[in-house]
Amino acid sequence: MTTAASRAERIAALRFDYAAQGTSAVERCNLCGADTFLVLAHRDRYGYPAQAHACVSCGLVFLNPVMDAAGYARFYMETYRPLVSAYHGRLIDARTIQEEQRAYAAERAGLLAPYLRGSGLSTLLDIGGSTGVVAHHLVREFGLRATVLDPAPLEVEQARALGLETITGLVEQFEPGTRRFDVVAMFQTVDHLLDVGGTLRRVRALMAGRGVFFVDIVDFRAAYLRHWSVEEAIKIDHPYYLTEDTMTAYLGQAGFDVLRADYAADHLHVSYVCRPAPPRGDARPPSASVRDLLRDVRLVQSGPRPS
């Protein structure tokens, strides 16, 4: 049996019916508000019938329709880790993922050190903080008090065991009251959001005036070029597919200045260290970047992979 066939059998054995989930249609682009989209893909890497659309005005790529908040809450509680395990053919759960997270934490701490060490910043909100391994590492490195927000109960349980304050739920449903945080981080999380623009604006409002915001993306362009397949870069656990140009525009609109951008060692993620700044509502990707993205996608879809 081929690897592809055995992978398909493992995924089928989960009996997750994606087509039966509640969905919402995307009528306007989350980044620029336009309403003209181009369908880039009809299936995702797991084989589910998930359409990926691109906004022809700004180049933002997103699932359309997309599972609704209730569907994603169930998905992260019941299906997400088993699905990723089935795809890779090895167990990936709240315990086994922690070794990978420790390496990631050390790498990200090195990037953040010039902005956090000796800064006097004291509170951290880790949005999508998973098992708390990354937040716990930052607590030890920089003396922060950390709160982990994540929708997966088993992963939140691991974070709580590390002595961290935890909140189970989606960031879109988080009600902070009057709390403000010196440092807000979204480690490998922003692609999972249902409303990137709205969440980034909420993050901006959650931050103390001289705070630091960290976010990293899976660079969609790097992903489809690595696999030489658009479908392999699409997965139902990512409602959005960001590029350097779309992410920079999002940050500008939400009210952040980028202090540093960094290509991760995996050559797939791009990290941003930011400070609060006046929002720039007119921030958009350059029109040339939109043309380049759509041209590249068509080349990958129809051309042979370079030898």
Protein backbone atom coordinates (compact mmCIF):
# COMPACT_ATOMS: atom_id res chain seq x y z
CA MET A 1 0.00 0.00 0.00
CA THR A 2 1.36 3.40 -0.93
CA THR A 3 2.00 6.06 1.68
CA ALA A 4 -0.79 8.21 0.22
CA ALA A 5 -3.25 5.32 0.37
CA SER A 6 -2.39 4.37 3.94
CA ARG A 7 -2.68 8.03 4.97
CA ALA A 8 -6.11 8.24 3.34
CA GLU A 9 -7.22 5.09 5.22
CA ARG A 10 -6.04 6.51 8.56
CA ILE A 11 -7.93 9.75 7.95
CA ALA A 12 -11.06 7.90 6.80
CA ALA A 13 -10.97 5.78 9.98
CA LEU A 14 -11.59 8.95 12.03
CA ARG A 15 -15.04 9.22 10.44
CA PHE A 16 -14.99 13.00 10.61
CA ASP A 17 -17.68 14.28 8.25
CA TYR A 18 -16.42 17.68 7.22
CA ALA A 19 -19.27 18.25 4.79
CA ALA A 20 -21.80 17.83 7.61
CA GLN A 21 -20.32 20.57 9.79
CA GLY A 22 -22.00 23.92 10.25
CA THR A 23 -20.42 26.54 8.01
CA SER A 24 -20.52 30.24 7.25
CA ALA A 25 -20.06 31.80 3.84
CA VAL A 26 -17.45 34.53 3.50
CA GLU A 27 -19.02 37.40 1.60
CA ARG A 28 -16.36 40.08 2.08
CA CYS A 29 -12.60 39.90 2.42
CA ASN A 30 -11.47 40.06 6.04
CA LEU A 31 -8.51 42.26 5.10
CA CYS A 32 -9.72 44.74 2.48
CA GLY A 33 -13.51 44.33 2.39
CA ALA A 34 -13.70 43.43 -1.32
CA ASP A 35 -16.20 40.84 -2.52
CA THR A 36 -14.57 39.34 -5.63
CA PHE A 37 -12.82 36.03 -5.02
CA LEU A 38 -11.01 33.41 -7.08
CA VAL A 39 -11.23 29.71 -6.17
CA LEU A 40 -7.68 28.33 -5.79
CA ALA A 41 -8.39 24.82 -4.48
CA HIS A 42 -11.35 22.49 -4.05
CA ARG A 43 -9.86 20.04 -1.54
CA ASP A 44 -7.43 20.25 1.35
CA ARG A 45 -4.41 18.11 2.21
CA TYR A 46 -6.58 15.66 4.19
CA GLY A 47 -8.88 15.12 1.21
CA TYR A 48 -11.83 17.06 2.63
CA PRO A 49 -13.97 19.14 0.22
CA ALA A 50 -12.67 22.50 1.49
CA GLN A 51 -12.51 25.37 -0.97
CA ALA A 52 -9.73 27.94 -0.69
CA HIS A 53 -10.52 31.35 -2.16
CA ALA A 54 -8.25 34.31 -2.85
CA CYS A 55 -9.35 37.93 -2.75
CA VAL A 56 -8.43 39.35 -6.15
CA SER A 57 -7.98 42.82 -4.63
CA CYS A 58 -5.49 42.12 -1.83
CA GLY A 59 -4.40 38.48 -2.22
CA LEU A 60 -5.75 37.18 1.11
CA VAL A 61 -6.43 33.43 0.92
CA PHE A 62 -9.07 31.79 3.11
CA LEU A 63 -11.48 28.87 3.35
CA ASN A 64 -14.92 29.63 1.95
CA PRO A 65 -17.28 28.48 3.32
CA VAL A 66 -15.58 28.02 6.68
CA MET A 67 -16.67 26.02 9.73
CA ASP A 68 -18.50 28.13 12.26
CA ALA A 69 -17.26 28.78 15.80
CA ALA A 70 -19.25 25.90 17.31
CA GLY A 71 -17.88 23.54 14.67
CA TYR A 72 -14.30 24.58 15.33
CA ALA A 73 -14.79 24.26 19.08
CA ARG A 74 -15.86 20.62 18.60
CA PHE A 75 -13.11 20.06 16.05
CA TYR A 76 -10.35 21.16 18.43
CA MET A 77 -11.85 19.19 21.29
CA GLU A 78 -12.38 15.91 19.42
CA THR A 79 -10.69 15.75 16.02
CA TYR A 80 -7.73 18.10 15.56
CA ARG A 81 -4.88 16.10 17.13
CA PRO A 82 -6.16 12.69 15.89
CA LEU A 83 -6.41 14.15 12.37
CA VAL A 84 -2.88 15.55 12.42
CA SER A 85 -1.66 12.22 13.83
CA ALA A 86 -3.39 10.32 11.03
CA TYR A 87 -1.88 12.61 8.42
CA HIS A 88 1.69 12.18 9.71
CA GLY A 89 1.34 8.53 10.72
CA ARG A 90 2.50 9.05 14.30
CA LEU A 91 0.91 10.02 17.59
CA ILE A 92 0.72 13.78 18.06
CA ASP A 93 -1.14 14.73 21.22
CA ALA A 94 -0.94 17.04 24.22
CA ARG A 95 2.01 15.05 25.61
CA THR A 96 4.05 14.06 22.56
CA ILE A 97 4.01 17.56 21.07
CA GLN A 98 5.77 19.07 24.07
CA GLU A 99 9.31 18.15 22.98
CA GLU A 100 8.80 20.01 19.71
CA GLN A 101 7.28 22.92 21.64
CA ARG A 102 10.33 23.12 23.94
CA ALA A 103 12.65 23.55 20.96
CA TYR A 104 10.31 26.14 19.48
CA ALA A 105 10.14 27.98 22.83
CA ALA A 106 13.91 28.29 23.08
CA GLU A 107 14.11 29.61 19.52
CA ARG A 108 11.35 32.20 20.02
CA ALA A 109 12.78 33.30 23.39
CA GLY A 110 16.03 34.15 21.65
CA LEU A 111 14.15 36.31 19.19
CA LEU A 112 12.19 38.08 21.94
CA ALA A 113 15.05 38.54 24.41
CA PRO A 114 16.15 42.03 23.22
CA TYR A 115 12.59 43.30 23.74
CA LEU A 116 11.71 41.54 27.01
CA ARG A 117 14.83 41.07 29.10
CA GLY A 118 15.12 43.92 31.61
CA SER A 119 12.14 45.69 30.05
CA GLY A 120 9.98 45.79 33.18
CA LEU A 121 7.14 44.11 31.28
CA SER A 122 5.46 41.61 33.57
CA THR A 123 2.26 40.04 32.20
CA LEU A 124 1.86 37.68 29.24
CA LEU A 125 -1.27 36.50 27.43
CA ASP A 126 -0.48 33.51 25.21
CA ILE A 127 -3.37 33.16 22.76
CA GLY A 128 -3.61 29.61 21.46
CA GLY A 129 -1.02 28.66 24.08
CA SER A 130 -1.57 24.89 23.78
CA THR A 131 0.20 22.93 26.55
CA GLY A 132 1.78 26.04 28.06
CA VAL A 133 5.32 24.90 27.28
CA VAL A 134 6.18 28.08 25.40
CA ALA A 135 4.58 30.40 27.97
CA HIS A 136 6.30 28.53 30.81
CA HIS A 137 9.66 28.96 29.11
CA LEU A 138 9.08 32.72 28.78
CA VAL A 139 8.04 32.89 32.42
CA ARG A 140 11.38 31.38 33.46
CA GLU A 141 13.43 33.41 30.99
CA PHE A 142 11.88 36.84 31.56
CA GLY A 143 10.04 36.69 34.88
CA LEU A 144 6.58 37.08 33.35
CA ARG A 145 3.22 36.12 34.83
CA ALA A 146 1.46 34.12 32.11
CA THR A 147 -2.11 33.38 31.13
CA VAL A 148 -2.71 30.65 28.53
CA LEU A 149 -5.85 30.80 26.38
CA ASP A 150 -6.60 27.74 24.24
CA PRO A 151 -9.73 25.89 23.01
CA ALA A 152 -8.39 22.34 23.58
CA PRO A 153 -9.19 21.10 27.13
CA LEU A 154 -6.50 18.39 27.20
CA GLU A 155 -3.81 20.89 26.24
CA VAL A 156 -5.08 23.46 28.74
CA GLU A 157 -4.84 20.74 31.40
CA GLN A 158 -1.13 20.35 30.63
CA ALA A 159 -0.63 24.14 30.90
CA ARG A 160 -2.44 24.21 34.24
CA ALA A 161 -0.13 21.46 35.52
CA LEU A 162 2.79 23.84 34.88
CA GLY A 163 1.26 26.32 37.32
CA LEU A 164 0.00 28.72 34.66
CA GLU A 165 -3.31 30.55 34.72
CA THR A 166 -5.46 28.99 32.00
CA ILE A 167 -8.63 29.88 30.12
CA THR A 168 -10.35 27.29 27.91
CA GLY A 169 -11.95 28.75 24.81
CA LEU A 170 -11.50 30.56 21.52
CA VAL A 171 -9.94 34.01 21.52
CA GLU A 172 -12.96 35.33 19.64
CA GLN A 173 -15.07 34.50 22.70
CA PHE A 174 -12.59 35.74 25.34
CA GLU A 175 -13.97 38.47 27.60
CA PRO A 176 -11.02 40.13 29.40
CA GLY A 177 -12.99 42.83 31.22
CA THR A 178 -10.55 45.55 32.31
CA ARG A 179 -7.44 43.35 32.17
CA ARG A 180 -4.50 44.56 30.10
CA PHE A 181 -1.31 42.68 29.24
CA ASP A 182 2.26 43.86 28.70
CA VAL A 183 3.06 41.05 26.28
CA VAL A 184 0.61 39.29 23.98
CA ALA A 185 1.71 36.35 21.84
CA MET A 186 0.10 34.21 19.19
CA PHE A 187 2.58 31.40 18.64
CA GLN A 188 1.58 29.37 15.57
CA THR A 189 -2.01 30.51 16.08
CA VAL A 190 -3.06 33.35 13.78
CA ASP A 191 -3.78 31.00 10.85
CA HIS A 192 -6.37 29.24 13.07
CA LEU A 193 -8.44 32.37 13.77
CA LEU A 194 -11.94 32.90 12.41
CA ASP A 195 -11.49 36.68 12.24
CA VAL A 196 -7.88 37.77 11.86
CA GLY A 197 -8.59 41.49 11.52
CA GLY A 198 -11.02 41.63 14.44
CA THR A 199 -8.76 39.58 16.69
CA LEU A 200 -5.72 41.73 15.98
CA ARG A 201 -7.72 44.83 16.83
CA ARG A 202 -8.81 43.18 20.08
CA VAL A 203 -5.20 42.28 20.84
CA ARG A 204 -4.24 45.91 20.32
CA ALA A 205 -6.94 46.98 22.80
CA LEU A 206 -5.75 44.36 25.32
CA MET A 207 -2.22 45.69 25.40
CA ALA A 208 -0.60 48.08 27.81
CA GLY A 209 0.76 51.18 26.07
CA ARG A 210 4.40 50.13 25.73
CA GLY A 211 3.77 46.41 25.30
CA VAL A 212 5.18 43.86 22.88
CA PHE A 213 3.16 41.73 20.50
CA PHE A 214 4.53 38.55 18.89
CA VAL A 215 2.85 36.70 16.04
CA ASP A 216 4.06 34.21 13.45
CA ILE A 217 2.46 32.89 10.30
CA VAL A 218 2.77 29.83 8.12
CA ASP A 219 3.85 31.59 4.93
CA PHE A 220 1.35 30.33 2.34
CA ARG A 221 3.73 30.99 -0.53
CA ALA A 222 6.52 29.03 1.16
CA ALA A 223 4.07 26.17 1.85
CA TYR A 224 2.78 25.69 -1.69
CA LEU A 225 6.24 26.09 -3.20
CA ARG A 226 7.70 23.56 -0.75
CA HIS A 227 5.09 20.95 -1.67
CA TRP A 228 4.63 22.24 -5.23
CA SER A 229 0.93 21.82 -4.50
CA VAL A 230 -1.71 24.33 -3.44
CA GLU A 231 -3.90 21.56 -1.99
CA GLU A 232 -1.05 20.35 0.26
CA ALA A 233 -0.79 23.88 1.68
CA ILE A 234 -4.53 23.96 2.52
CA LYS A 235 -5.97 22.30 5.65
CA ILE A 236 -9.31 22.68 7.38
CA ASP A 237 -7.65 23.65 10.68
CA HIS A 238 -6.41 26.89 9.03
CA PRO A 239 -9.24 29.23 7.98
CA TYR A 240 -6.59 31.70 6.67
CA TYR A 241 -3.40 31.43 4.54
CA LEU A 242 -1.19 34.43 5.09
CA THR A 243 1.82 35.82 3.25
CA GLU A 244 4.36 38.41 4.29
CA ASP A 245 2.41 41.08 2.40
CA THR A 246 -1.04 40.26 3.79
CA MET A 247 0.27 39.90 7.36
CA THR A 248 2.13 43.21 7.22
CA ALA A 249 -1.06 44.90 6.00
CA TYR A 250 -3.09 43.30 8.80
CA LEU A 251 -0.63 44.52 11.43
CA GLY A 252 -0.67 48.06 10.06
CA GLN A 253 -4.46 48.18 10.00
CA ALA A 254 -4.73 46.87 13.57
CA GLY A 255 -2.25 49.40 14.95
CA PHE A 256 1.15 47.73 15.13
CA ASP A 257 4.60 48.69 13.94
CA VAL A 258 6.89 45.77 13.07
CA LEU A 259 10.14 46.01 15.03
CA ARG A 260 11.61 42.84 13.60
CA ALA A 261 10.63 40.15 11.11
CA ASP A 262 12.36 36.78 11.10
CA TYR A 263 12.35 33.67 8.92
CA ALA A 264 12.19 30.63 11.23
CA ALA A 265 14.69 27.79 10.97
CA ASP A 266 12.02 25.61 9.31
CA HIS A 267 11.90 28.09 6.38
CA LEU A 268 8.10 27.93 6.61
CA HIS A 269 7.14 30.33 9.41
CA VAL A 270 7.70 34.09 9.48
CA SER A 271 7.76 35.80 12.89
CA TYR A 272 6.95 39.41 13.76
CA VAL A 273 7.84 41.36 16.91
CA CYS A 274 5.64 44.47 17.12
CA ARG A 275 4.84 47.53 19.20
CA PRO A 276 1.48 49.33 19.44
CA ALA A 277 1.18 52.24 17.01
CA PRO A 278 -1.58 54.34 15.46
CA PRO A 279 -3.76 52.15 13.19
CA ARG A 280 -3.29 52.61 9.46
CA GLY A 281 -6.69 51.72 8.07
CA ASP A 282 -5.55 52.03 4.47
CA ALA A 283 -2.69 49.50 4.76
CA ARG A 284 -2.86 47.07 1.85
CA PRO A 285 -0.51 44.63 0.12
CA PRO A 286 1.13 46.07 -3.01
CA SER A 287 -0.91 45.29 -6.13
CA ALA A 288 2.15 43.65 -7.69
CA SER A 289 2.24 41.09 -4.87
CA VAL A 290 -1.34 40.05 -5.65
CA ARG A 291 -0.47 39.51 -9.32
CA ASP A 292 2.64 37.54 -8.35
CA LEU A 293 0.71 35.31 -5.95
CA LEU A 294 -1.99 34.39 -8.45
CA ARG A 295 0.58 33.82 -11.19
CA ASP A 296 2.66 31.58 -8.91
CA VAL A 297 -0.39 29.57 -7.86
CA ARG A 298 -1.32 28.95 -11.49
CA LEU A 299 2.24 27.89 -12.29
CA VAL A 300 2.25 25.40 -9.40
CA GLN A 301 -1.14 24.04 -10.44
CA SER A 302 -0.24 23.51 -14.08
CA GLY A 303 3.53 23.36 -14.42
CA PRO A 304 5.97 20.54 -13.66
CA ARG A 305 7.85 20.69 -10.42
CA PRO A 306 11.36 22.11 -10.94
CA SER A 307 13.99 19.38 -10.88
